[in-house]
Amino acid sequence: GLCISRSARTVTKDGSPLDLTAKEFDLLWLLMENRG
């Protein structure tokens, strides 16, 4: 249910938006991009 959009810089969980700071977003993208 977690979706992160790099172009829109948005994160949703089960369809609901999450309020992330810019650094939190960049950190989550980097981690998910290198999953595992």
All heavy atoms as atom14 arrays in JSON, in Angstrom:
{
  "sequence": "GLCISRSARTVTKDGSPLDLTAKEFDLLWLLMENRG",
  "atom14_mask": [
    [1, 1, 1, 1, 0, 0, 0, 0, 0, 0, 0, 0, 0, 0],
    [1, 1, 1, 1, 1, 1, 1, 1, 0, 0, 0, 0, 0, 0],
    [1, 1, 1, 1, 1, 1, 0, 0, 0, 0, 0, 0, 0, 0],
    [1, 1, 1, 1, 1, 1, 1, 1, 0, 0, 0, 0, 0, 0],
    [1, 1, 1, 1, 1, 1, 0, 0, 0, 0, 0, 0, 0, 0],
    [1, 1, 1, 1, 1, 1, 1, 1, 1, 1, 1, 0, 0, 0],
    [1, 1, 1, 1, 1, 1, 0, 0, 0, 0, 0, 0, 0, 0],
    [1, 1, 1, 1, 1, 0, 0, 0, 0, 0, 0, 0, 0, 0],
    [1, 1, 1, 1, 1, 1, 1, 1, 1, 1, 1, 0, 0, 0],
    [1, 1, 1, 1, 1, 1, 1, 0, 0, 0, 0, 0, 0, 0],
    [1, 1, 1, 1, 1, 1, 1, 0, 0, 0, 0, 0, 0, 0],
    [1, 1, 1, 1, 1, 1, 1, 0, 0, 0, 0, 0, 0, 0],
    [1, 1, 1, 1, 1, 1, 1, 1, 1, 0, 0, 0, 0, 0],
    [1, 1, 1, 1, 1, 1, 1, 1, 0, 0, 0, 0, 0, 0],
    [1, 1, 1, 1, 0, 0, 0, 0, 0, 0, 0, 0, 0, 0],
    [1, 1, 1, 1, 1, 1, 0, 0, 0, 0, 0, 0, 0, 0],
    [1, 1, 1, 1, 1, 1, 1, 0, 0, 0, 0, 0, 0, 0],
    [1, 1, 1, 1, 1, 1, 1, 1, 0, 0, 0, 0, 0, 0],
    [1, 1, 1, 1, 1, 1, 1, 1, 0, 0, 0, 0, 0, 0],
    [1, 1, 1, 1, 1, 1, 1, 1, 0, 0, 0, 0, 0, 0],
    [1, 1, 1, 1, 1, 1, 1, 0, 0, 0, 0, 0, 0, 0],
    [1, 1, 1, 1, 1, 0, 0, 0, 0, 0, 0, 0, 0, 0],
    [1, 1, 1, 1, 1, 1, 1, 1, 1, 0, 0, 0, 0, 0],
    [1, 1, 1, 1, 1, 1, 1, 1, 1, 0, 0, 0, 0, 0],
    [1, 1, 1, 1, 1, 1, 1, 1, 1, 1, 1, 0, 0, 0],
    [1, 1, 1, 1, 1, 1, 1, 1, 0, 0, 0, 0, 0, 0],
    [1, 1, 1, 1, 1, 1, 1, 1, 0, 0, 0, 0, 0, 0],
    [1, 1, 1, 1, 1, 1, 1, 1, 0, 0, 0, 0, 0, 0],
    [1, 1, 1, 1, 1, 1, 1, 1, 1, 1, 1, 1, 1, 1],
    [1, 1, 1, 1, 1, 1, 1, 1, 0, 0, 0, 0, 0, 0],
    [1, 1, 1, 1, 1, 1, 1, 1, 0, 0, 0, 0, 0, 0],
    [1, 1, 1, 1, 1, 1, 1, 1, 0, 0, 0, 0, 0, 0],
    [1, 1, 1, 1, 1, 1, 1, 1, 1, 0, 0, 0, 0, 0],
    [1, 1, 1, 1, 1, 1, 1, 1, 0, 0, 0, 0, 0, 0],
    [1, 1, 1, 1, 1, 1, 1, 1, 1, 1, 1, 0, 0, 0],
    [1, 1, 1, 1, 0, 0, 0, 0, 0, 0, 0, 0, 0, 0]
  ],
  "atom14_positions": [
    [[0.79, -1.23, 0.0], [0.0, 0.0, 0.0], [0.81, 1.27, 0.0], [0.26, 2.37, -0.01], [0.0, 0.0, 0.0], [0.0, 0.0, 0.0], [0.0, 0.0, 0.0], [0.0, 0.0, 0.0], [0.0, 0.0, 0.0], [0.0, 0.0, 0.0], [0.0, 0.0, 0.0], [0.0, 0.0, 0.0], [0.0, 0.0, 0.0], [0.0, 0.0, 0.0]],
    [[2.15, 1.14, 0.01], [3.02, 2.32, 0.04], [3.46, 2.67, -1.38], [3.94, 1.81, -2.13], [4.25, 2.04, 0.9], [5.16, 3.23, 1.21], [4.44, 4.25, 2.09], [6.44, 2.75, 1.9], [0.0, 0.0, 0.0], [0.0, 0.0, 0.0], [0.0, 0.0, 0.0], [0.0, 0.0, 0.0], [0.0, 0.0, 0.0], [0.0, 0.0, 0.0]],
    [[3.28, 3.94, -1.77], [3.65, 4.38, -3.12], [4.35, 5.72, -3.01], [3.85, 6.65, -2.38], [2.41, 4.5, -4.0], [2.78, 5.09, -5.68], [0.0, 0.0, 0.0], [0.0, 0.0, 0.0], [0.0, 0.0, 0.0], [0.0, 0.0, 0.0], [0.0, 0.0, 0.0], [0.0, 0.0, 0.0], [0.0, 0.0, 0.0], [0.0, 0.0, 0.0]],
    [[5.51, 5.82, -3.65], [6.28, 7.07, -3.64], [6.5, 7.49, -5.09], [6.96, 6.71, -5.92], [7.61, 6.9, -2.87], [8.42, 8.21, -2.9], [8.42, 5.74, -3.39], [9.62, 8.19, -1.95], [0.0, 0.0, 0.0], [0.0, 0.0, 0.0], [0.0, 0.0, 0.0], [0.0, 0.0, 0.0], [0.0, 0.0, 0.0], [0.0, 0.0, 0.0]],
    [[6.14, 8.73, -5.4], [6.28, 9.28, -6.74], [7.41, 10.29, -6.76], [7.35, 11.3, -6.05], [4.97, 9.95, -7.19], [5.18, 10.69, -8.39], [0.0, 0.0, 0.0], [0.0, 0.0, 0.0], [0.0, 0.0, 0.0], [0.0, 0.0, 0.0], [0.0, 0.0, 0.0], [0.0, 0.0, 0.0], [0.0, 0.0, 0.0], [0.0, 0.0, 0.0]],
    [[8.42, 10.02, -7.57], [9.57, 10.91, -7.63], [9.22, 12.22, -8.33], [9.66, 13.29, -7.91], [10.72, 10.22, -8.35], [12.04, 10.97, -8.23], [13.18, 10.13, -8.76], [14.47, 10.65, -8.37], [15.62, 10.02, -8.58], [15.61, 8.83, -9.16], [16.76, 10.55, -8.2], [0.0, 0.0, 0.0], [0.0, 0.0, 0.0], [0.0, 0.0, 0.0]],
    [[8.43, 12.14, -9.42], [8.11, 13.35, -10.18], [7.19, 14.27, -9.4], [7.37, 15.49, -9.38], [7.46, 12.98, -11.52], [6.32, 12.17, -11.32], [0.0, 0.0, 0.0], [0.0, 0.0, 0.0], [0.0, 0.0, 0.0], [0.0, 0.0, 0.0], [0.0, 0.0, 0.0], [0.0, 0.0, 0.0], [0.0, 0.0, 0.0], [0.0, 0.0, 0.0]],
    [[6.21, 13.7, -8.71], [5.27, 14.53, -7.93], [5.78, 14.79, -6.52], [5.23, 15.66, -5.82], [3.9, 13.86, -7.87], [0.0, 0.0, 0.0], [0.0, 0.0, 0.0], [0.0, 0.0, 0.0], [0.0, 0.0, 0.0], [0.0, 0.0, 0.0], [0.0, 0.0, 0.0], [0.0, 0.0, 0.0], [0.0, 0.0, 0.0], [0.0, 0.0, 0.0]],
    [[6.8, 14.03, -6.1], [7.34, 14.11, -4.73], [6.23, 13.95, -3.72], [6.06, 14.76, -2.79], [8.12, 15.42, -4.51], [9.44, 15.45, -5.26], [10.33, 16.62, -4.85], [10.82, 16.49, -3.47], [11.91, 15.79, -3.13], [12.59, 15.13, -4.04], [12.3, 15.76, -1.86], [0.0, 0.0, 0.0], [0.0, 0.0, 0.0], [0.0, 0.0, 0.0]],
    [[5.47, 12.87, -3.89], [4.39, 12.54, -2.97], [4.56, 11.1, -2.51], [5.13, 10.26, -3.21], [3.01, 12.7, -3.62], [2.95, 11.87, -4.8], [2.76, 14.15, -4.01], [0.0, 0.0, 0.0], [0.0, 0.0, 0.0], [0.0, 0.0, 0.0], [0.0, 0.0, 0.0], [0.0, 0.0, 0.0], [0.0, 0.0, 0.0], [0.0, 0.0, 0.0]],
    [[4.04, 10.83, -1.32], [4.03, 9.48, -0.77], [2.63, 9.2, -0.25], [2.06, 10.03, 0.46], [5.06, 9.31, 0.37], [5.05, 7.87, 0.89], [6.45, 9.69, -0.1], [0.0, 0.0, 0.0], [0.0, 0.0, 0.0], [0.0, 0.0, 0.0], [0.0, 0.0, 0.0], [0.0, 0.0, 0.0], [0.0, 0.0, 0.0], [0.0, 0.0, 0.0]],
    [[2.09, 8.04, -0.61], [0.79, 7.64, -0.09], [0.92, 6.27, 0.56], [1.74, 5.43, 0.16], [-0.27, 7.58, -1.19], [0.16, 6.65, -2.22], [-0.5, 8.95, -1.81], [0.0, 0.0, 0.0], [0.0, 0.0, 0.0], [0.0, 0.0, 0.0], [0.0, 0.0, 0.0], [0.0, 0.0, 0.0], [0.0, 0.0, 0.0], [0.0, 0.0, 0.0]],
    [[0.09, 6.06, 1.58], [0.03, 4.77, 2.26], [-1.43, 4.35, 2.29], [-2.27, 5.05, 2.86], [0.59, 4.88, 3.68], [0.6, 3.55, 4.44], [1.17, 3.72, 5.84], [1.17, 2.4, 6.59], [1.68, 2.56, 7.97], [0.0, 0.0, 0.0], [0.0, 0.0, 0.0], [0.0, 0.0, 0.0], [0.0, 0.0, 0.0], [0.0, 0.0, 0.0]],
    [[-1.73, 3.24, 1.62], [-3.11, 2.75, 1.51], [-4.02, 3.83, 0.94], [-5.18, 3.98, 1.36], [-3.63, 2.26, 2.86], [-2.8, 1.11, 3.41], [-2.31, 0.31, 2.6], [-2.63, 1.03, 4.64], [0.0, 0.0, 0.0], [0.0, 0.0, 0.0], [0.0, 0.0, 0.0], [0.0, 0.0, 0.0], [0.0, 0.0, 0.0], [0.0, 0.0, 0.0]],
    [[-3.49, 4.61, 0.0], [-4.27, 5.63, -0.67], [-4.31, 6.98, 0.02], [-4.78, 7.96, -0.56], [0.0, 0.0, 0.0], [0.0, 0.0, 0.0], [0.0, 0.0, 0.0], [0.0, 0.0, 0.0], [0.0, 0.0, 0.0], [0.0, 0.0, 0.0], [0.0, 0.0, 0.0], [0.0, 0.0, 0.0], [0.0, 0.0, 0.0], [0.0, 0.0, 0.0]],
    [[-3.81, 7.06, 1.24], [-3.82, 8.32, 1.98], [-2.44, 8.97, 1.93], [-1.42, 8.28, 2.08], [-4.21, 8.08, 3.45], [-5.51, 7.53, 3.54], [0.0, 0.0, 0.0], [0.0, 0.0, 0.0], [0.0, 0.0, 0.0], [0.0, 0.0, 0.0], [0.0, 0.0, 0.0], [0.0, 0.0, 0.0], [0.0, 0.0, 0.0], [0.0, 0.0, 0.0]],
    [[-2.38, 10.29, 1.71], [-1.08, 10.96, 1.61], [-0.35, 11.0, 2.94], [-0.96, 11.14, 4.0], [-1.46, 12.37, 1.14], [-2.88, 12.56, 1.57], [-3.51, 11.2, 1.5], [0.0, 0.0, 0.0], [0.0, 0.0, 0.0], [0.0, 0.0, 0.0], [0.0, 0.0, 0.0], [0.0, 0.0, 0.0], [0.0, 0.0, 0.0], [0.0, 0.0, 0.0]],
    [[0.97, 10.86, 2.87], [1.82, 10.98, 4.05], [2.55, 12.32, 3.99], [3.01, 12.74, 2.93], [2.84, 9.85, 4.1], [2.33, 8.43, 4.34], [3.49, 7.45, 4.38], [1.52, 8.35, 5.62], [0.0, 0.0, 0.0], [0.0, 0.0, 0.0], [0.0, 0.0, 0.0], [0.0, 0.0, 0.0], [0.0, 0.0, 0.0], [0.0, 0.0, 0.0]],
    [[2.68, 12.96, 5.11], [3.35, 14.26, 5.19], [4.81, 14.03, 5.54], [5.16, 13.86, 6.7], [2.66, 15.14, 6.24], [3.26, 16.55, 6.29], [3.95, 16.91, 5.32], [3.03, 17.26, 7.28], [0.0, 0.0, 0.0], [0.0, 0.0, 0.0], [0.0, 0.0, 0.0], [0.0, 0.0, 0.0], [0.0, 0.0, 0.0], [0.0, 0.0, 0.0]],
    [[5.67, 14.02, 4.52], [7.1, 13.82, 4.7], [7.85, 15.11, 4.42], [7.48, 15.87, 3.53], [7.62, 12.72, 3.76], [7.66, 11.29, 4.28], [6.25, 10.81, 4.63], [8.3, 10.37, 3.26], [0.0, 0.0, 0.0], [0.0, 0.0, 0.0], [0.0, 0.0, 0.0], [0.0, 0.0, 0.0], [0.0, 0.0, 0.0], [0.0, 0.0, 0.0]],
    [[8.92, 15.33, 5.18], [9.8, 16.45, 4.88], [10.62, 16.1, 3.63], [10.64, 14.95, 3.18], [10.76, 16.73, 6.03], [11.65, 15.61, 6.18], [10.0, 16.94, 7.34], [0.0, 0.0, 0.0], [0.0, 0.0, 0.0], [0.0, 0.0, 0.0], [0.0, 0.0, 0.0], [0.0, 0.0, 0.0], [0.0, 0.0, 0.0], [0.0, 0.0, 0.0]],
    [[11.31, 17.09, 3.08], [12.12, 16.85, 1.88], [13.19, 15.8, 2.13], [13.43, 14.92, 1.28], [12.75, 18.16, 1.42], [0.0, 0.0, 0.0], [0.0, 0.0, 0.0], [0.0, 0.0, 0.0], [0.0, 0.0, 0.0], [0.0, 0.0, 0.0], [0.0, 0.0, 0.0], [0.0, 0.0, 0.0], [0.0, 0.0, 0.0], [0.0, 0.0, 0.0]],
    [[13.84, 15.86, 3.29], [14.9, 14.89, 3.6], [14.31, 13.5, 3.82], [14.9, 12.49, 3.41], [15.68, 15.33, 4.83], [16.46, 16.63, 4.65], [17.46, 16.55, 3.53], [18.33, 17.82, 3.46], [19.19, 17.84, 2.26], [0.0, 0.0, 0.0], [0.0, 0.0, 0.0], [0.0, 0.0, 0.0], [0.0, 0.0, 0.0], [0.0, 0.0, 0.0]],
    [[13.15, 13.42, 4.47], [12.51, 12.13, 4.66], [12.15, 11.51, 3.32], [12.33, 10.31, 3.11], [11.25, 12.29, 5.52], [11.54, 12.58, 6.98], [10.28, 12.95, 7.75], [9.21, 13.17, 7.13], [10.37, 13.02, 8.99], [0.0, 0.0, 0.0], [0.0, 0.0, 0.0], [0.0, 0.0, 0.0], [0.0, 0.0, 0.0], [0.0, 0.0, 0.0]],
    [[11.65, 12.33, 2.4], [11.29, 11.83, 1.08], [12.53, 11.29, 0.37], [12.51, 10.17, -0.16], [10.66, 12.94, 0.24], [10.29, 12.49, -1.16], [9.02, 12.02, -1.42], [11.22, 12.53, -2.19], [8.68, 11.59, -2.71], [10.9, 12.09, -3.47], [9.62, 11.63, -3.72], [0.0, 0.0, 0.0], [0.0, 0.0, 0.0], [0.0, 0.0, 0.0]],
    [[13.61, 12.07, 0.35], [14.83, 11.64, -0.34], [15.4, 10.36, 0.26], [15.88, 9.48, -0.46], [15.88, 12.75, -0.29], [15.48, 13.98, -1.1], [14.62, 13.86, -1.99], [16.03, 15.07, -0.82], [0.0, 0.0, 0.0], [0.0, 0.0, 0.0], [0.0, 0.0, 0.0], [0.0, 0.0, 0.0], [0.0, 0.0, 0.0], [0.0, 0.0, 0.0]],
    [[15.33, 10.27, 1.57], [15.85, 9.09, 2.26], [15.0, 7.86, 1.94], [15.54, 6.78, 1.64], [15.87, 9.35, 3.77], [16.45, 8.26, 4.67], [17.88, 7.93, 4.26], [16.41, 8.72, 6.12], [0.0, 0.0, 0.0], [0.0, 0.0, 0.0], [0.0, 0.0, 0.0], [0.0, 0.0, 0.0], [0.0, 0.0, 0.0], [0.0, 0.0, 0.0]],
    [[13.68, 8.02, 1.96], [12.8, 6.89, 1.65], [12.98, 6.44, 0.2], [13.03, 5.24, -0.08], [11.34, 7.28, 1.91], [10.31, 6.18, 1.62], [10.56, 4.95, 2.49], [8.89, 6.72, 1.84], [0.0, 0.0, 0.0], [0.0, 0.0, 0.0], [0.0, 0.0, 0.0], [0.0, 0.0, 0.0], [0.0, 0.0, 0.0], [0.0, 0.0, 0.0]],
    [[13.08, 7.4, -0.73], [13.28, 7.02, -2.13], [14.58, 6.23, -2.29], [14.61, 5.2, -2.99], [13.31, 8.27, -3.02], [13.57, 7.91, -4.46], [14.78, 7.78, -5.07], [12.6, 7.57, -5.45], [14.62, 7.39, -6.38], [13.3, 7.25, -6.63], [11.2, 7.52, -5.44], [12.63, 6.88, -7.8], [10.54, 7.15, -6.61], [11.26, 6.84, -7.76]],
    [[15.64, 6.69, -1.68], [16.93, 6.03, -1.8], [16.88, 4.61, -1.25], [17.41, 3.67, -1.85], [18.0, 6.86, -1.07], [19.46, 6.43, -1.23], [19.87, 6.42, -2.71], [20.36, 7.36, -0.43], [0.0, 0.0, 0.0], [0.0, 0.0, 0.0], [0.0, 0.0, 0.0], [0.0, 0.0, 0.0], [0.0, 0.0, 0.0], [0.0, 0.0, 0.0]],
    [[16.22, 4.45, -0.12], [16.11, 3.12, 0.49], [15.26, 2.19, -0.38], [15.64, 1.03, -0.63], [15.51, 3.23, 1.89], [16.44, 3.81, 2.96], [15.65, 4.23, 4.18], [17.51, 2.78, 3.35], [0.0, 0.0, 0.0], [0.0, 0.0, 0.0], [0.0, 0.0, 0.0], [0.0, 0.0, 0.0], [0.0, 0.0, 0.0], [0.0, 0.0, 0.0]],
    [[14.1, 2.68, -0.85], [13.22, 1.84, -1.65], [13.82, 1.52, -3.01], [13.63, 0.43, -3.55], [11.85, 2.5, -1.82], [11.04, 2.54, -0.54], [9.37, 3.23, -0.78], [8.59, 1.94, -1.79], [0.0, 0.0, 0.0], [0.0, 0.0, 0.0], [0.0, 0.0, 0.0], [0.0, 0.0, 0.0], [0.0, 0.0, 0.0], [0.0, 0.0, 0.0]],
    [[14.55, 2.48, -3.58], [15.2, 2.26, -4.87], [16.25, 1.16, -4.79], [16.53, 0.47, -5.78], [15.83, 3.57, -5.35], [16.34, 3.53, -6.78], [16.91, 4.87, -7.21], [17.51, 5.57, -6.35], [16.76, 5.23, -8.38], [0.0, 0.0, 0.0], [0.0, 0.0, 0.0], [0.0, 0.0, 0.0], [0.0, 0.0, 0.0], [0.0, 0.0, 0.0]],
    [[16.84, 0.99, -3.62], [17.86, -0.03, -3.39], [17.34, -1.15, -2.51], [18.07, -1.7, -1.69], [19.1, 0.61, -2.77], [19.83, 1.53, -3.72], [20.62, 1.1, -4.52], [19.52, 2.83, -3.62], [0.0, 0.0, 0.0], [0.0, 0.0, 0.0], [0.0, 0.0, 0.0], [0.0, 0.0, 0.0], [0.0, 0.0, 0.0], [0.0, 0.0, 0.0]],
    [[16.09, -1.48, -2.69], [15.43, -2.48, -1.84], [16.24, -3.78, -1.77], [16.69, -4.31, -2.78], [14.03, -2.78, -2.39], [13.21, -3.72, -1.53], [11.8, -3.83, -2.03], [10.99, -4.63, -1.14], [9.68, -4.79, -1.26], [9.03, -4.18, -2.25], [9.01, -5.54, -0.41], [0.0, 0.0, 0.0], [0.0, 0.0, 0.0], [0.0, 0.0, 0.0]],
    [[16.43, -4.26, -0.54], [17.16, -5.5, -0.33], [18.65, -5.31, -0.15], [19.35, -6.26, 0.22], [0.0, 0.0, 0.0], [0.0, 0.0, 0.0], [0.0, 0.0, 0.0], [0.0, 0.0, 0.0], [0.0, 0.0, 0.0], [0.0, 0.0, 0.0], [0.0, 0.0, 0.0], [0.0, 0.0, 0.0], [0.0, 0.0, 0.0], [0.0, 0.0, 0.0]]
  ]
}
